[in-house]
N, C-alpha and C. Protein backbone atom coordinates (compact mmCIF):
# COMPACT_ATOMS: atom_id res chain seq x y z
N UNK A 1 56.32 64.07 83.70
CA UNK A 1 56.11 65.11 82.90
C UNK A 1 54.63 65.57 82.89
N UNK A 2 53.80 64.55 82.87
CA UNK A 2 52.25 64.76 82.96
C UNK A 2 51.90 65.52 84.19
N UNK A 3 52.66 65.38 85.28
CA UNK A 3 52.32 66.12 86.47
C UNK A 3 52.48 67.63 86.42
N UNK A 4 53.46 68.05 85.52
CA UNK A 4 53.71 69.55 85.32
C UNK A 4 52.51 70.14 84.51
N UNK A 5 51.87 69.39 83.68
CA UNK A 5 50.84 70.01 82.81
C UNK A 5 49.44 69.51 83.25
N UNK A 6 49.17 69.28 84.40
CA UNK A 6 47.82 68.71 84.76
C UNK A 6 46.70 69.77 84.57
N UNK A 7 46.97 70.95 84.92
CA UNK A 7 45.93 72.00 84.61
C UNK A 7 45.73 72.19 83.25
N UNK A 8 46.75 72.25 82.40
CA UNK A 8 46.66 72.39 80.96
C UNK A 8 45.81 71.22 80.39
N UNK A 9 46.14 70.12 80.79
CA UNK A 9 45.42 68.85 80.28
C UNK A 9 44.07 68.90 80.56
N UNK A 10 43.71 69.35 81.83
CA UNK A 10 42.17 69.47 82.24
C UNK A 10 41.58 70.52 81.53
N UNK A 11 42.19 71.59 81.31
CA UNK A 11 41.51 72.64 80.41
C UNK A 11 41.31 72.16 79.01
N UNK A 12 42.21 71.63 78.35
CA UNK A 12 41.97 70.91 77.05
C UNK A 12 40.81 69.87 77.04
N UNK A 13 40.85 69.10 77.99
CA UNK A 13 39.60 68.17 78.12
C UNK A 13 38.31 68.94 78.26
N UNK A 14 38.39 69.91 79.16
CA UNK A 14 37.14 70.59 79.26
C UNK A 14 36.66 71.40 78.04
N UNK A 15 37.52 71.98 77.39
CA UNK A 15 37.38 72.67 76.01
C UNK A 15 36.78 71.56 75.05
N UNK A 16 37.42 70.46 74.93
CA UNK A 16 36.89 69.33 74.01
C UNK A 16 35.59 68.86 74.48
N UNK A 17 35.42 68.83 75.72
CA UNK A 17 34.02 68.33 76.12
C UNK A 17 32.94 69.46 75.73
N UNK A 18 33.24 70.64 76.05
CA UNK A 18 32.26 71.70 75.72
C UNK A 18 31.91 71.66 74.15
N UNK A 19 32.99 71.69 73.44
CA UNK A 19 32.73 71.47 71.87
C UNK A 19 31.86 70.18 71.47
N UNK A 20 32.19 69.12 72.07
CA UNK A 20 31.32 67.90 71.79
C UNK A 20 29.91 68.12 72.18
N UNK A 21 29.54 68.65 73.43
CA UNK A 21 28.27 68.99 73.83
C UNK A 21 27.63 70.00 72.86
N UNK A 22 28.35 71.01 72.44
CA UNK A 22 27.79 72.03 71.47
C UNK A 22 27.60 71.47 70.14
N UNK A 23 28.42 70.68 69.57
CA UNK A 23 28.12 70.04 68.32
C UNK A 23 27.00 69.05 68.40
N UNK A 24 26.87 68.26 69.43
CA UNK A 24 25.87 67.30 69.53
C UNK A 24 24.49 68.01 69.66
N UNK A 25 24.36 69.00 70.48
CA UNK A 25 23.06 69.85 70.72
C UNK A 25 22.77 70.53 69.36
N UNK A 26 23.73 71.09 68.71
CA UNK A 26 23.30 71.90 67.56
C UNK A 26 22.95 71.01 66.46
N UNK A 27 23.48 69.75 66.43
CA UNK A 27 23.04 68.88 65.34
C UNK A 27 21.75 68.19 65.57
N UNK A 28 21.28 68.04 66.72
CA UNK A 28 20.05 67.46 67.03
C UNK A 28 18.89 68.38 67.07
N UNK A 29 19.09 69.65 67.22
CA UNK A 29 18.06 70.70 67.35
C UNK A 29 17.77 71.03 65.89
N UNK A 30 16.32 71.02 65.52
CA UNK A 30 15.98 71.37 64.21
C UNK A 30 15.10 72.62 64.36
N UNK A 31 15.12 73.51 63.43
CA UNK A 31 14.43 74.68 63.56
C UNK A 31 14.80 75.76 64.50
N UNK A 32 15.89 75.50 65.21
CA UNK A 32 16.27 76.49 66.24
C UNK A 32 16.98 77.64 65.57
N UNK A 33 16.77 78.75 66.09
CA UNK A 33 17.43 80.00 65.58
C UNK A 33 17.95 80.74 66.67
N UNK A 34 18.98 81.49 66.45
CA UNK A 34 19.64 82.22 67.60
C UNK A 34 18.78 83.60 67.81
N UNK A 35 18.33 83.84 68.88
CA UNK A 35 17.72 85.13 69.23
C UNK A 35 18.52 85.76 70.32
N UNK A 36 18.88 86.99 70.25
CA UNK A 36 19.54 87.67 71.23
C UNK A 36 18.95 87.71 72.65
N UNK A 37 19.55 87.86 73.69
CA UNK A 37 19.12 87.80 75.08
C UNK A 37 18.22 88.95 75.23
N UNK A 38 18.26 90.02 74.62
CA UNK A 38 17.47 91.25 74.82
C UNK A 38 16.11 90.86 74.20
N UNK A 39 16.07 90.26 73.06
CA UNK A 39 14.63 89.85 72.53
C UNK A 39 13.95 88.80 73.37
N UNK A 40 14.67 87.92 73.77
CA UNK A 40 14.00 86.89 74.69
C UNK A 40 13.64 87.40 76.02
N UNK A 41 14.47 88.10 76.59
CA UNK A 41 14.05 88.69 77.88
C UNK A 41 12.82 89.69 77.71
N UNK A 42 12.87 90.54 76.75
CA UNK A 42 11.70 91.44 76.55
C UNK A 42 10.47 90.70 76.32
N UNK A 43 10.53 89.62 75.53
CA UNK A 43 9.48 88.80 75.25
C UNK A 43 8.88 88.16 76.40
N UNK A 44 9.75 87.71 77.36
CA UNK A 44 9.23 87.01 78.51
C UNK A 44 8.57 88.00 79.45
N UNK A 45 9.20 89.26 79.60
CA UNK A 45 8.59 90.19 80.44
C UNK A 45 7.23 90.65 79.99
N UNK A 46 7.11 90.79 78.59
CA UNK A 46 5.80 91.11 78.02
C UNK A 46 4.77 90.02 78.24
N UNK A 47 5.28 88.86 78.24
CA UNK A 47 4.32 87.57 78.26
C UNK A 47 3.91 87.58 79.75
N UNK A 48 4.84 87.82 80.80
CA UNK A 48 4.42 87.74 82.21
C UNK A 48 3.47 88.89 82.63
N UNK A 49 3.84 90.09 82.00
CA UNK A 49 3.07 91.32 82.51
C UNK A 49 1.85 91.60 81.81
N UNK A 50 1.78 90.98 80.50
CA UNK A 50 0.55 91.24 79.72
C UNK A 50 0.58 92.44 79.04
N UNK A 51 1.78 93.16 78.96
CA UNK A 51 1.96 94.35 78.09
C UNK A 51 2.67 94.14 76.86
N UNK A 52 2.49 94.95 75.75
CA UNK A 52 3.27 94.81 74.63
C UNK A 52 4.72 95.12 74.87
N UNK A 53 5.61 94.60 74.00
CA UNK A 53 7.02 94.81 74.11
C UNK A 53 7.32 96.21 73.81
N UNK A 54 6.60 96.95 72.91
CA UNK A 54 6.73 98.30 72.47
C UNK A 54 6.47 99.30 73.68
N UNK A 55 5.70 98.93 74.79
CA UNK A 55 5.33 99.82 75.76
C UNK A 55 6.27 99.92 76.84
N UNK A 56 7.45 99.02 76.69
CA UNK A 56 8.54 99.25 77.79
C UNK A 56 9.51 100.21 77.19
N UNK A 57 9.96 101.11 78.06
CA UNK A 57 10.98 101.98 77.76
C UNK A 57 12.32 101.67 78.61
N UNK A 58 13.36 101.84 78.03
CA UNK A 58 14.63 101.51 78.87
C UNK A 58 14.99 102.70 79.82
N UNK A 59 15.66 102.36 81.02
CA UNK A 59 15.94 103.34 81.81
C UNK A 59 17.06 104.38 81.21
N UNK A 60 18.08 103.63 80.65
CA UNK A 60 19.08 104.33 80.00
C UNK A 60 18.93 104.30 78.50
N UNK A 61 18.70 105.45 77.72
CA UNK A 61 18.45 105.26 76.28
C UNK A 61 19.58 104.62 75.64
N UNK A 62 19.27 103.91 74.67
CA UNK A 62 20.40 103.17 73.84
C UNK A 62 20.81 104.03 72.68
N UNK A 63 22.16 104.09 72.50
CA UNK A 63 22.75 104.78 71.33
C UNK A 63 22.97 103.70 70.33
N UNK A 64 22.42 104.07 68.98
CA UNK A 64 22.84 103.10 67.94
C UNK A 64 23.76 103.77 66.96
N UNK A 65 24.93 103.00 66.70
CA UNK A 65 25.88 103.55 65.73
C UNK A 65 25.29 103.80 64.46
N UNK A 66 25.78 104.75 63.78
CA UNK A 66 25.20 105.19 62.43
C UNK A 66 25.24 104.11 61.36
N UNK A 67 26.28 103.22 61.44
CA UNK A 67 26.33 102.09 60.27
C UNK A 67 26.93 100.77 61.13
N UNK A 68 26.85 99.70 60.43
CA UNK A 68 27.32 98.46 60.80
C UNK A 68 28.84 98.49 60.83
N UNK A 69 29.55 99.23 60.10
CA UNK A 69 30.97 99.13 60.05
C UNK A 69 31.45 99.87 61.31
N UNK A 70 30.82 100.93 61.86
CA UNK A 70 31.25 101.65 63.03
C UNK A 70 30.98 100.60 64.26
N UNK A 71 29.73 100.04 64.11
CA UNK A 71 29.50 98.98 65.35
C UNK A 71 30.49 97.95 65.27
N UNK A 72 30.88 97.31 64.13
CA UNK A 72 31.94 96.35 64.16
C UNK A 72 33.34 96.88 64.71
N UNK A 73 33.60 98.19 64.34
CA UNK A 73 34.88 98.75 64.85
C UNK A 73 34.86 98.89 66.26
N UNK A 74 33.72 99.38 66.92
CA UNK A 74 33.61 99.39 68.32
C UNK A 74 33.71 98.05 68.97
N UNK A 75 33.13 97.03 68.35
CA UNK A 75 33.18 95.71 68.89
C UNK A 75 34.61 95.28 69.05
N UNK A 76 35.37 95.38 67.80
CA UNK A 76 36.85 95.10 67.68
C UNK A 76 37.67 95.87 68.75
N UNK A 77 37.35 97.12 68.95
CA UNK A 77 38.07 97.96 69.86
C UNK A 77 37.83 97.36 71.33
N UNK A 78 36.64 97.03 71.53
CA UNK A 78 36.31 96.42 72.89
C UNK A 78 37.11 95.13 73.05
N UNK A 79 37.24 94.25 72.12
CA UNK A 79 37.98 93.11 72.18
C UNK A 79 39.36 93.24 72.35
N UNK A 80 39.98 94.32 71.72
CA UNK A 80 41.38 94.63 71.81
C UNK A 80 41.69 95.18 73.26
N UNK A 81 40.86 95.95 73.72
CA UNK A 81 41.05 96.41 75.14
C UNK A 81 41.01 95.39 76.13
N UNK A 82 40.15 94.45 75.95
CA UNK A 82 40.07 93.23 76.84
C UNK A 82 41.22 92.33 76.75
N UNK A 83 41.66 92.23 75.46
CA UNK A 83 42.93 91.34 75.20
C UNK A 83 44.08 91.88 75.90
N UNK A 84 44.28 93.36 75.81
CA UNK A 84 45.38 94.04 76.33
C UNK A 84 45.18 93.85 77.87
N UNK A 85 44.13 93.93 78.52
CA UNK A 85 44.00 93.82 79.94
C UNK A 85 44.32 92.43 80.36
N UNK A 86 43.75 91.39 79.61
CA UNK A 86 44.02 90.02 80.09
C UNK A 86 45.50 89.71 79.89
N UNK A 87 46.09 90.18 78.69
CA UNK A 87 47.60 90.07 78.50
C UNK A 87 48.38 90.65 79.68
N UNK A 88 48.01 91.86 80.06
CA UNK A 88 48.64 92.67 81.14
C UNK A 88 48.66 91.82 82.43
N UNK A 89 47.54 91.20 82.73
CA UNK A 89 47.29 90.47 83.96
C UNK A 89 48.32 89.22 83.92
N UNK A 90 48.19 88.56 82.89
CA UNK A 90 48.96 87.32 82.77
C UNK A 90 50.51 87.69 82.71
N UNK A 91 50.89 88.81 82.06
CA UNK A 91 52.31 89.28 82.12
C UNK A 91 52.74 89.65 83.52
N UNK A 92 51.84 90.25 84.26
CA UNK A 92 52.15 90.62 85.71
C UNK A 92 52.43 89.37 86.56
N UNK A 93 51.51 88.47 86.35
CA UNK A 93 51.66 87.21 87.06
C UNK A 93 53.07 86.46 86.76
N UNK A 94 53.28 86.37 85.39
CA UNK A 94 54.48 85.79 85.03
C UNK A 94 55.71 86.42 85.57
N UNK A 95 55.70 87.89 85.45
CA UNK A 95 56.84 88.62 86.07
C UNK A 95 56.95 88.42 87.59
N UNK A 96 55.84 88.32 88.29
CA UNK A 96 55.88 88.05 89.79
C UNK A 96 56.57 86.76 89.92
N UNK A 97 56.23 85.77 89.15
CA UNK A 97 56.75 84.38 89.25
C UNK A 97 58.26 84.24 88.97
N UNK A 98 58.58 85.08 87.85
CA UNK A 98 60.01 85.05 87.58
C UNK A 98 60.80 85.87 88.41
N UNK A 99 60.30 86.96 89.05
CA UNK A 99 61.03 87.64 90.06
C UNK A 99 61.23 86.79 91.37
N UNK A 100 60.25 86.00 91.70
CA UNK A 100 60.51 85.06 92.89
C UNK A 100 61.53 84.12 92.70
N UNK A 101 61.50 83.47 91.50
CA UNK A 101 62.48 82.54 91.20
C UNK A 101 63.89 83.05 90.97
N UNK A 102 64.01 84.28 90.47
CA UNK A 102 65.37 84.91 90.41
C UNK A 102 65.70 85.46 91.88
N UNK A 103 64.85 85.70 92.78
CA UNK A 103 65.27 86.07 94.09
C UNK A 103 65.79 84.85 94.83
N UNK A 104 65.24 83.59 94.60
CA UNK A 104 65.70 82.58 95.22
C UNK A 104 67.07 82.04 94.71
N UNK A 105 67.32 82.27 93.42
CA UNK A 105 68.58 82.03 92.75
C UNK A 105 69.71 82.85 93.42
N UNK A 106 69.37 84.12 93.57
CA UNK A 106 70.31 85.09 94.05
C UNK A 106 70.75 84.97 95.45
N UNK A 107 69.78 84.31 96.27
CA UNK A 107 70.24 84.05 97.71
C UNK A 107 71.11 83.10 98.06
């Protein structure tokens, strides 16, 4: 029985290991605060180049939504589209697998 679920067991062990490492590191770090990657990257570029962060302009101008609710709505829409895509891929794979097993039974 365990042979059939080897991949699933490994995935659960990996997830539990990741959670343990995350909990350990977050409990031992004091004074740490989450800063977005944009802020950290801009700060490092400014530090290395010697220019202020405000002097850098993006190649593609950023659009900012008019309110936080619209930003949350767009994020949820993006997550839903991603979920539909992932579900479609897994559904396709499952359909292919079922189609192959049905073809073997019919032969």
